[in-house]
Amino acid sequence: MNRKSISLLLTLVLLATTVVAGCGSSSSAPAASSSAASASSQASAPAQSSQAASQAQSSSSTSAEPAYKELTVYSAMPDSELPTYFNAFQEDTGIKINYVRLSAGEMMARIAAEKDNPQASIMHGGSSDTYIAAMKEGLLEPYQSPELANVPEQYKDAEGVWNPIYVGAIAFACNSEWFEEHNLEYPKSWEDLTKPEFKGQISMAHPSTSGTSYTVLATIVQLYGEEKAWDYLERLNANVRQYTKAGAAPPMEVGLGEAAIAITFSHDGLKPAMEGYPVELSFPEEGTGFEVGAVALIKNGFPEEQENAKRFIDWCVSVRGQELYIDSASNRLPVNINANYADGLVSLDQLPIIDYDAVWAGNNKARLVEEFNQKIDNASNLKQ
């Protein structure tokens, strides 16, 4: 794909400002929001922190020989990214990761079902909303990495249980060829998604299984208020092609031309664009929600894995772990202020972010998901 095509694919529609996104060089870490098998690395610019400082931070997670050399992880990260992170961790520490990939909702359900006999030591990836709900059910063990000294306060858990590892905003991923063929503009607001011309053309995951779509649901409720939110979601539902289990599936459906619009996190929306599919992003002008991706200890996880689990969390928050988002081409924004990230990505302070209340969202998750099941879609026959 030529340079012109890449530029076109990665145009981000942001209010009146266009941001061209590419995974070329690396930039300094994003500013904090005012409101709250390995892939090849792209060429990167010099890090703002010195090489010695970066190595010193990494060494804290890699130096000691582990007494036990395995770690069991449940992860909500996409399958395509996990080998990059887990292979690197094993190379750095000698600890092999045994993992099961689940959607955020499935991960939460499994940990809850195994509460009396946990079968994993780490909960990895997915929005902090899910972790707050897990805390409420007593499923997590408090642990705070010393690496959090390098993370803005806005992203941290006030309760001191889970650890932030990335941030990302809700966006609309659009198939540029479909919009050109139909001579239509990309949606620029939540209300635009309810237009009749988009009937059967919107793909999103179901909030009962997807952390991505639960963030969408909580965003709509916080933006509109509950009564108006359910009215809006009924109108939106009329245009939804289908609900999927995982939040990463809708943008790929858009890339393949199976849908015109996906409601997704910006990093997931950019992945098919980076792979050459005709996908571009826009953001709702009236405001959008965001996630703080997290990692945490599962309460009463395997005793022999506890030191490895803490070491893994430290590694995930370290510069070394955070900069692997470049290698994995994930388009995730790191939370460690010393970490580089792919050039052209949009940080939260550049977007119309609402004052998203993740604690409220986590505490009300079960209730809102049940109402969605009753009023909008009952989650039967979901597509993977």
Protein backbone atom coordinates (compact mmCIF):
# COMPACT_ATOMS: atom_id res chain seq x y z
CA MET A 1 0.00 0.00 0.00
CA ASN A 2 1.42 3.43 -0.97
CA ARG A 3 1.94 6.39 1.34
CA LYS A 4 -1.11 8.21 -0.03
CA SER A 5 -3.36 5.26 0.75
CA ILE A 6 -2.05 4.92 4.28
CA SER A 7 -2.63 8.61 4.88
CA LEU A 8 -6.18 8.35 3.62
CA LEU A 9 -6.94 5.31 5.75
CA LEU A 10 -5.79 6.91 8.95
CA THR A 11 -7.56 10.25 8.72
CA LEU A 12 -9.33 10.84 12.03
CA VAL A 13 -12.38 13.04 11.88
CA LEU A 14 -12.23 15.14 15.04
CA LEU A 15 -14.71 18.00 15.16
CA ALA A 16 -13.27 20.39 12.55
CA THR A 17 -9.74 19.07 12.93
CA THR A 18 -8.33 16.19 10.89
CA VAL A 19 -5.60 14.09 12.43
CA VAL A 20 -3.64 11.80 10.14
CA ALA A 21 -2.62 8.65 12.00
CA GLY A 22 0.25 6.39 10.97
CA CYS A 23 2.44 3.94 12.80
CA GLY A 24 5.77 5.36 11.72
CA SER A 25 7.94 7.02 14.33
CA SER A 26 7.39 7.09 18.08
CA SER A 27 6.31 10.11 20.06
CA SER A 28 6.35 11.09 23.70
CA ALA A 29 3.62 9.70 25.95
CA PRO A 30 0.13 11.28 25.86
CA ALA A 31 -0.92 13.98 28.26
CA ALA A 32 -3.47 12.97 30.87
CA SER A 33 -7.08 13.79 30.09
CA SER A 34 -8.45 16.75 31.91
CA SER A 35 -11.35 14.50 32.95
CA ALA A 36 -10.29 11.56 33.84
CA ALA A 37 4.14 -14.80 17.53
CA SER A 38 5.57 -10.86 17.91
CA ALA A 39 4.83 -8.17 15.32
CA SER A 40 7.60 -6.02 13.90
CA SER A 41 8.07 -2.63 15.50
CA GLN A 42 7.70 0.43 13.30
CA ALA A 43 10.65 2.82 13.14
CA SER A 44 10.64 4.99 16.25
CA ALA A 45 11.98 8.39 17.19
CA PRO A 46 14.36 8.79 20.15
CA ALA A 47 12.64 8.32 23.50
CA GLN A 48 12.34 11.37 25.73
CA SER A 49 13.74 9.41 28.65
CA SER A 50 17.37 8.34 28.46
CA GLN A 51 18.29 4.81 27.43
CA ALA A 52 19.82 4.23 30.84
CA ALA A 53 16.59 5.25 32.58
CA SER A 54 14.54 2.95 30.38
CA GLN A 55 16.86 0.04 31.05
CA ALA A 56 16.79 0.73 34.77
CA GLN A 57 12.99 0.61 34.82
CA SER A 58 12.94 -2.64 32.83
CA SER A 59 15.56 -4.31 35.00
CA SER A 60 13.29 -4.11 38.06
CA SER A 61 10.91 -6.52 36.35
CA THR A 62 13.48 -8.88 34.81
CA SER A 63 16.52 -9.30 37.06
CA ALA A 64 15.60 -11.92 39.69
CA GLU A 65 15.42 -15.62 38.83
CA PRO A 66 11.85 -16.86 39.49
CA ALA A 67 11.39 -19.66 42.01
CA TYR A 68 8.40 -20.92 39.99
CA LYS A 69 8.44 -20.47 36.21
CA GLU A 70 4.78 -20.37 35.17
CA LEU A 71 1.88 -17.92 35.39
CA THR A 72 -1.80 -18.45 34.51
CA VAL A 73 -3.62 -15.51 32.94
CA TYR A 74 -7.13 -14.74 31.75
CA SER A 75 -6.87 -11.99 29.14
CA ALA A 76 -9.37 -9.82 27.27
CA MET A 77 -6.71 -8.54 24.87
CA PRO A 78 -7.10 -9.63 21.21
CA ASP A 79 -5.55 -12.97 20.23
CA SER A 80 -3.36 -11.22 17.67
CA GLU A 81 -1.62 -9.13 20.35
CA LEU A 82 -1.07 -11.63 23.13
CA PRO A 83 1.95 -13.50 21.71
CA THR A 84 3.83 -10.21 21.45
CA TYR A 85 3.38 -9.44 25.15
CA PHE A 86 3.60 -12.93 26.61
CA ASN A 87 6.60 -14.06 24.54
CA ALA A 88 8.48 -10.90 25.52
CA PHE A 89 7.65 -11.40 29.20
CA GLN A 90 8.97 -14.96 29.04
CA GLU A 91 12.15 -13.77 27.31
CA ASP A 92 12.66 -11.09 29.97
CA THR A 93 11.88 -13.19 33.04
CA GLY A 94 11.99 -16.89 32.18
CA ILE A 95 8.32 -17.18 33.25
CA LYS A 96 6.01 -19.02 30.85
CA ILE A 97 2.45 -17.67 30.60
CA ASN A 98 -0.43 -20.11 30.25
CA TYR A 99 -3.44 -18.12 29.14
CA VAL A 100 -7.07 -18.23 28.09
CA ARG A 101 -8.36 -15.44 25.84
CA LEU A 102 -11.89 -14.29 26.71
CA SER A 103 -14.02 -11.23 26.11
CA ALA A 104 -14.13 -8.92 29.14
CA GLY A 105 -17.64 -10.07 30.07
CA GLU A 106 -16.72 -13.74 29.71
CA MET A 107 -13.56 -13.20 31.76
CA MET A 108 -15.59 -11.60 34.54
CA ALA A 109 -18.15 -14.42 34.45
CA ARG A 110 -15.47 -17.12 34.62
CA ILE A 111 -13.64 -15.53 37.53
CA ALA A 112 -16.96 -15.18 39.38
CA ALA A 113 -17.86 -18.81 38.69
CA GLU A 114 -14.44 -19.92 39.96
CA LYS A 115 -14.51 -17.69 43.04
CA ASP A 116 -14.19 -20.60 45.47
CA ASN A 117 -11.55 -22.37 43.39
CA PRO A 118 -9.66 -19.87 41.17
CA GLN A 119 -8.01 -21.33 38.07
CA ALA A 120 -5.90 -18.29 37.17
CA SER A 121 -3.80 -15.69 38.96
CA ILE A 122 -4.13 -12.64 36.69
CA MET A 123 -7.01 -10.74 35.09
CA HIS A 124 -5.50 -8.88 32.11
CA GLY A 125 -6.93 -6.32 29.69
CA GLY A 126 -10.40 -4.88 29.35
CA SER A 127 -11.88 -1.70 30.76
CA SER A 128 -11.56 -0.66 34.38
CA ASP A 129 -15.39 -0.76 34.53
CA THR A 130 -15.10 -4.56 34.56
CA TYR A 131 -12.45 -4.47 37.28
CA ILE A 132 -14.57 -2.20 39.45
CA ALA A 133 -17.47 -4.64 39.07
CA ALA A 134 -15.11 -7.51 39.96
CA MET A 135 -13.93 -5.58 43.05
CA LYS A 136 -17.55 -5.14 44.11
CA GLU A 137 -17.97 -8.93 44.04
CA GLY A 138 -14.76 -9.53 45.99
CA LEU A 139 -12.93 -11.22 43.11
CA LEU A 140 -9.68 -9.24 43.14
CA GLU A 141 -6.67 -8.96 45.44
CA PRO A 142 -5.22 -5.45 45.99
CA TYR A 143 -1.78 -4.84 44.50
CA GLN A 144 -0.25 -1.58 43.29
CA SER A 145 2.89 -1.65 41.19
CA PRO A 146 5.77 0.70 42.10
CA GLU A 147 5.75 1.60 38.38
CA LEU A 148 2.57 3.62 39.06
CA ALA A 149 4.86 6.45 40.16
CA ASN A 150 5.18 7.10 36.40
CA VAL A 151 1.41 7.13 35.72
CA PRO A 152 -0.89 10.21 35.92
CA GLU A 153 -3.30 10.17 38.86
CA GLN A 154 -6.32 10.38 36.52
CA TYR A 155 -5.75 6.80 35.38
CA LYS A 156 -5.16 5.16 38.77
CA ASP A 157 -7.54 3.12 40.89
CA ALA A 158 -8.50 5.17 43.93
CA GLU A 159 -9.15 1.93 45.83
CA GLY A 160 -5.63 0.64 45.14
CA VAL A 161 -6.66 -2.71 43.66
CA TRP A 162 -6.20 -2.79 39.86
CA ASN A 163 -3.38 -1.22 37.81
CA PRO A 164 -3.90 0.87 34.62
CA ILE A 165 -2.01 -0.23 31.49
CA TYR A 166 -3.51 1.71 28.53
CA VAL A 167 -6.22 4.21 27.57
CA GLY A 168 -8.53 4.50 24.57
CA ALA A 169 -11.63 6.42 23.44
CA ILE A 170 -14.87 5.22 21.83
CA ALA A 171 -14.97 6.02 18.11
CA PHE A 172 -16.91 5.24 14.94
CA ALA A 173 -14.93 3.09 12.49
CA CYS A 174 -16.25 3.71 8.99
CA ASN A 175 -15.80 1.84 5.70
CA SER A 176 -14.57 4.62 3.41
CA GLU A 177 -15.49 2.75 0.22
CA TRP A 178 -19.11 2.27 1.35
CA PHE A 179 -19.45 5.96 2.22
CA GLU A 180 -17.92 7.02 -1.09
CA GLU A 181 -20.20 4.67 -3.03
CA HIS A 182 -23.29 6.02 -1.24
CA ASN A 183 -22.09 9.65 -1.33
CA LEU A 184 -22.58 10.05 2.43
CA GLU A 185 -20.60 11.78 5.15
CA TYR A 186 -19.16 9.90 8.11
CA PRO A 187 -21.29 10.11 11.26
CA LYS A 188 -20.17 12.99 13.44
CA SER A 189 -22.52 12.51 16.36
CA TRP A 190 -24.37 9.80 18.28
CA GLU A 191 -27.61 11.05 16.72
CA ASP A 192 -26.16 10.57 13.22
CA LEU A 193 -26.04 6.82 13.87
CA THR A 194 -29.85 6.70 13.98
CA LYS A 195 -30.30 8.07 10.44
CA PRO A 196 -32.38 5.81 8.15
CA GLU A 197 -29.57 5.55 5.60
CA PHE A 198 -27.58 3.51 8.13
CA LYS A 199 -30.29 0.87 8.67
CA GLY A 200 -28.63 -2.55 8.99
CA GLN A 201 -25.17 -1.00 8.58
CA ILE A 202 -24.00 -0.63 12.20
CA SER A 203 -22.07 -3.33 14.04
CA MET A 204 -21.33 -3.31 17.76
CA ALA A 205 -20.67 -5.89 20.46
CA HIS A 206 -23.14 -6.80 23.17
CA PRO A 207 -22.51 -5.13 26.55
CA SER A 208 -23.14 -8.39 28.41
CA THR A 209 -20.00 -9.95 26.91
CA SER A 210 -17.93 -7.00 25.71
CA GLY A 211 -16.16 -4.43 27.86
CA THR A 212 -16.00 -2.18 24.81
CA SER A 213 -19.75 -2.08 24.37
CA TYR A 214 -20.42 -1.78 28.07
CA THR A 215 -18.32 1.40 27.92
CA VAL A 216 -20.53 2.49 24.99
CA LEU A 217 -23.66 1.76 27.05
CA ALA A 218 -22.35 3.59 30.12
CA THR A 219 -21.28 6.52 27.92
CA ILE A 220 -24.76 6.86 26.42
CA VAL A 221 -26.42 6.71 29.85
CA GLN A 222 -24.05 9.30 31.29
CA LEU A 223 -24.41 11.54 28.25
CA TYR A 224 -28.21 11.41 27.86
CA GLY A 225 -29.48 10.44 31.30
CA GLU A 226 -31.15 7.05 31.79
CA GLU A 227 -34.64 7.72 30.39
CA LYS A 228 -33.43 9.37 27.20
CA ALA A 229 -30.59 6.86 26.89
CA TRP A 230 -32.97 3.90 26.55
CA ASP A 231 -35.01 5.79 23.98
CA TYR A 232 -31.83 6.52 22.03
CA LEU A 233 -30.62 2.90 22.25
CA GLU A 234 -33.96 1.66 20.88
CA ARG A 235 -33.55 3.98 17.88
CA LEU A 236 -29.94 2.90 17.44
CA ASN A 237 -30.94 -0.76 17.67
CA ALA A 238 -33.10 -0.30 14.56
CA ASN A 239 -29.90 0.31 12.59
CA VAL A 240 -27.72 -2.37 14.21
CA ARG A 241 -26.85 -5.21 11.85
CA GLN A 242 -25.89 -7.55 14.67
CA TYR A 243 -24.33 -7.70 18.11
CA THR A 244 -21.07 -9.63 18.49
CA LYS A 245 -19.45 -11.17 21.58
CA ALA A 246 -16.10 -9.37 21.34
CA GLY A 247 -15.51 -5.65 20.90
CA ALA A 248 -12.73 -6.17 18.35
CA ALA A 249 -15.05 -7.96 15.88
CA PRO A 250 -17.15 -5.01 14.61
CA PRO A 251 -14.25 -2.98 13.14
CA MET A 252 -13.06 -6.03 11.23
CA GLU A 253 -16.58 -6.48 9.85
CA VAL A 254 -16.33 -2.88 8.65
CA GLY A 255 -12.94 -3.58 7.11
CA LEU A 256 -14.36 -6.56 5.22
CA GLY A 257 -17.33 -4.51 3.98
CA GLU A 258 -19.90 -6.46 6.00
CA ALA A 259 -20.98 -3.29 7.80
CA ALA A 260 -20.51 0.42 7.16
CA ILE A 261 -19.94 1.55 10.77
CA ALA A 262 -18.56 -0.05 13.92
CA ILE A 263 -18.86 1.44 17.38
CA THR A 264 -15.55 0.55 18.96
CA PHE A 265 -12.45 1.76 20.75
CA SER A 266 -10.20 3.87 18.55
CA HIS A 267 -7.26 1.45 18.83
CA ASP A 268 -9.42 -1.45 17.66
CA GLY A 269 -10.85 0.69 14.87
CA LEU A 270 -7.39 1.57 13.59
CA LYS A 271 -6.16 -2.04 13.43
CA PRO A 272 -7.88 -2.97 10.15
CA ALA A 273 -6.81 0.38 8.69
CA MET A 274 -3.19 -0.43 9.52
CA GLU A 275 -3.65 -3.76 7.75
CA GLY A 276 -4.76 -2.06 4.54
CA TYR A 277 -8.54 -2.17 4.88
CA PRO A 278 -10.60 0.92 3.90
CA VAL A 279 -11.37 2.10 7.43
CA GLU A 280 -11.35 5.62 8.84
CA LEU A 281 -12.38 6.97 12.23
CA SER A 282 -14.68 9.72 13.39
CA PHE A 283 -15.59 10.82 16.93
CA PRO A 284 -18.98 12.04 18.21
CA GLU A 285 -19.03 15.79 18.60
CA GLU A 286 -21.32 15.80 21.63
CA GLY A 287 -18.77 13.76 23.56
CA THR A 288 -17.40 10.25 23.89
CA GLY A 289 -16.43 7.89 26.68
CA PHE A 290 -13.12 6.20 27.21
CA GLU A 291 -11.59 3.22 28.92
CA VAL A 292 -8.64 2.75 31.17
CA GLY A 293 -7.43 -0.76 30.41
CA ALA A 294 -6.28 -2.66 33.48
CA VAL A 295 -4.55 -5.66 35.02
CA ALA A 296 -5.07 -7.13 38.50
CA LEU A 297 -4.47 -10.08 40.82
CA ILE A 298 -7.31 -12.59 41.05
CA LYS A 299 -8.16 -13.21 44.70
CA ASN A 300 -6.84 -16.54 45.99
CA GLY A 301 -5.01 -17.30 42.75
CA PHE A 302 -2.44 -20.09 42.67
CA PRO A 303 -0.13 -19.51 45.69
CA GLU A 304 3.01 -20.57 43.81
CA GLU A 305 2.28 -17.95 41.13
CA GLN A 306 1.79 -14.89 43.33
CA GLU A 307 5.29 -13.44 43.00
CA ASN A 308 5.21 -14.03 39.26
CA ALA A 309 1.80 -12.36 39.07
CA LYS A 310 3.06 -9.21 40.81
CA ARG A 311 6.13 -9.24 38.60
CA PHE A 312 3.89 -9.45 35.52
CA ILE A 313 1.86 -6.44 36.67
CA ASP A 314 5.06 -4.44 37.26
CA TRP A 315 6.27 -5.44 33.79
CA CYS A 316 2.97 -4.43 32.14
CA VAL A 317 3.17 -0.92 33.61
CA SER A 318 6.90 -0.54 32.90
CA VAL A 319 8.34 1.25 29.86
CA ARG A 320 9.33 -2.14 28.43
CA GLY A 321 5.80 -3.55 28.64
CA GLN A 322 4.11 -0.34 27.50
CA GLU A 323 6.26 0.16 24.41
CA LEU A 324 5.29 -3.29 23.14
CA TYR A 325 2.04 -1.65 22.03
CA ILE A 326 4.14 -0.39 19.12
CA ASP A 327 5.50 -3.87 18.34
CA SER A 328 2.00 -5.38 18.44
CA ALA A 329 0.60 -2.61 16.19
CA SER A 330 -2.23 -2.33 18.72
CA ASN A 331 -2.55 1.48 18.56
CA ARG A 332 -3.05 1.52 22.33
CA LEU A 333 -1.98 4.61 24.24
CA PRO A 334 0.36 3.80 27.16
CA VAL A 335 -0.19 5.26 30.61
CA ASN A 336 3.48 5.35 31.65
CA ILE A 337 4.66 8.90 30.93
CA ASN A 338 8.12 7.65 29.94
CA ALA A 339 6.87 5.25 27.26
CA ASN A 340 6.83 6.01 23.55
CA TYR A 341 3.77 5.35 21.40
CA ALA A 342 3.11 5.15 17.67
CA ASP A 343 3.25 8.51 15.93
CA GLY A 344 -0.10 10.00 14.93
CA LEU A 345 -2.25 8.41 17.63
CA VAL A 346 -4.72 10.77 19.27
CA SER A 347 -4.40 11.24 23.03
CA LEU A 348 -7.46 11.80 25.20
CA ASP A 349 -6.79 15.50 25.70
CA GLN A 350 -7.28 15.99 21.93
CA LEU A 351 -10.78 14.47 21.91
CA PRO A 352 -14.27 15.58 23.06
CA ILE A 353 -14.15 13.35 26.13
CA ILE A 354 -17.08 13.38 28.55
CA ASP A 355 -16.48 13.36 32.28
CA TYR A 356 -16.79 9.58 32.24
CA ASP A 357 -17.43 8.10 35.68
CA ALA A 358 -15.84 4.64 35.60
CA VAL A 359 -16.67 3.96 39.26
CA TRP A 360 -20.36 4.62 38.66
CA ALA A 361 -20.19 2.51 35.49
CA GLY A 362 -18.59 -0.39 37.34
CA ASN A 363 -21.01 -0.25 40.25
CA ASN A 364 -24.04 -0.18 37.94
CA LYS A 365 -22.84 -2.71 35.38
CA ALA A 366 -25.05 -5.66 36.34
CA ARG A 367 -28.17 -3.48 36.44
CA LEU A 368 -27.53 -1.71 33.13
CA VAL A 369 -26.64 -4.92 31.30
CA GLU A 370 -29.82 -6.58 32.54
CA GLU A 371 -31.88 -3.59 31.37
CA PHE A 372 -30.17 -3.76 27.97
CA ASN A 373 -31.09 -7.45 27.77
CA GLN A 374 -34.71 -6.66 28.57
CA LYS A 375 -35.19 -3.48 26.57
CA ILE A 376 -32.82 -3.70 23.59
CA ASP A 377 -31.41 -7.15 22.85
CA ASN A 378 -31.40 -10.32 24.95
CA ALA A 379 -27.95 -11.52 23.82
CA SER A 380 -29.28 -14.72 22.23
CA ASN A 381 -27.40 -16.16 19.27
CA LEU A 382 -24.51 -13.72 19.48
CA LYS A 383 -21.88 -13.90 16.75
CA GLN A 384 -18.30 -14.48 17.87
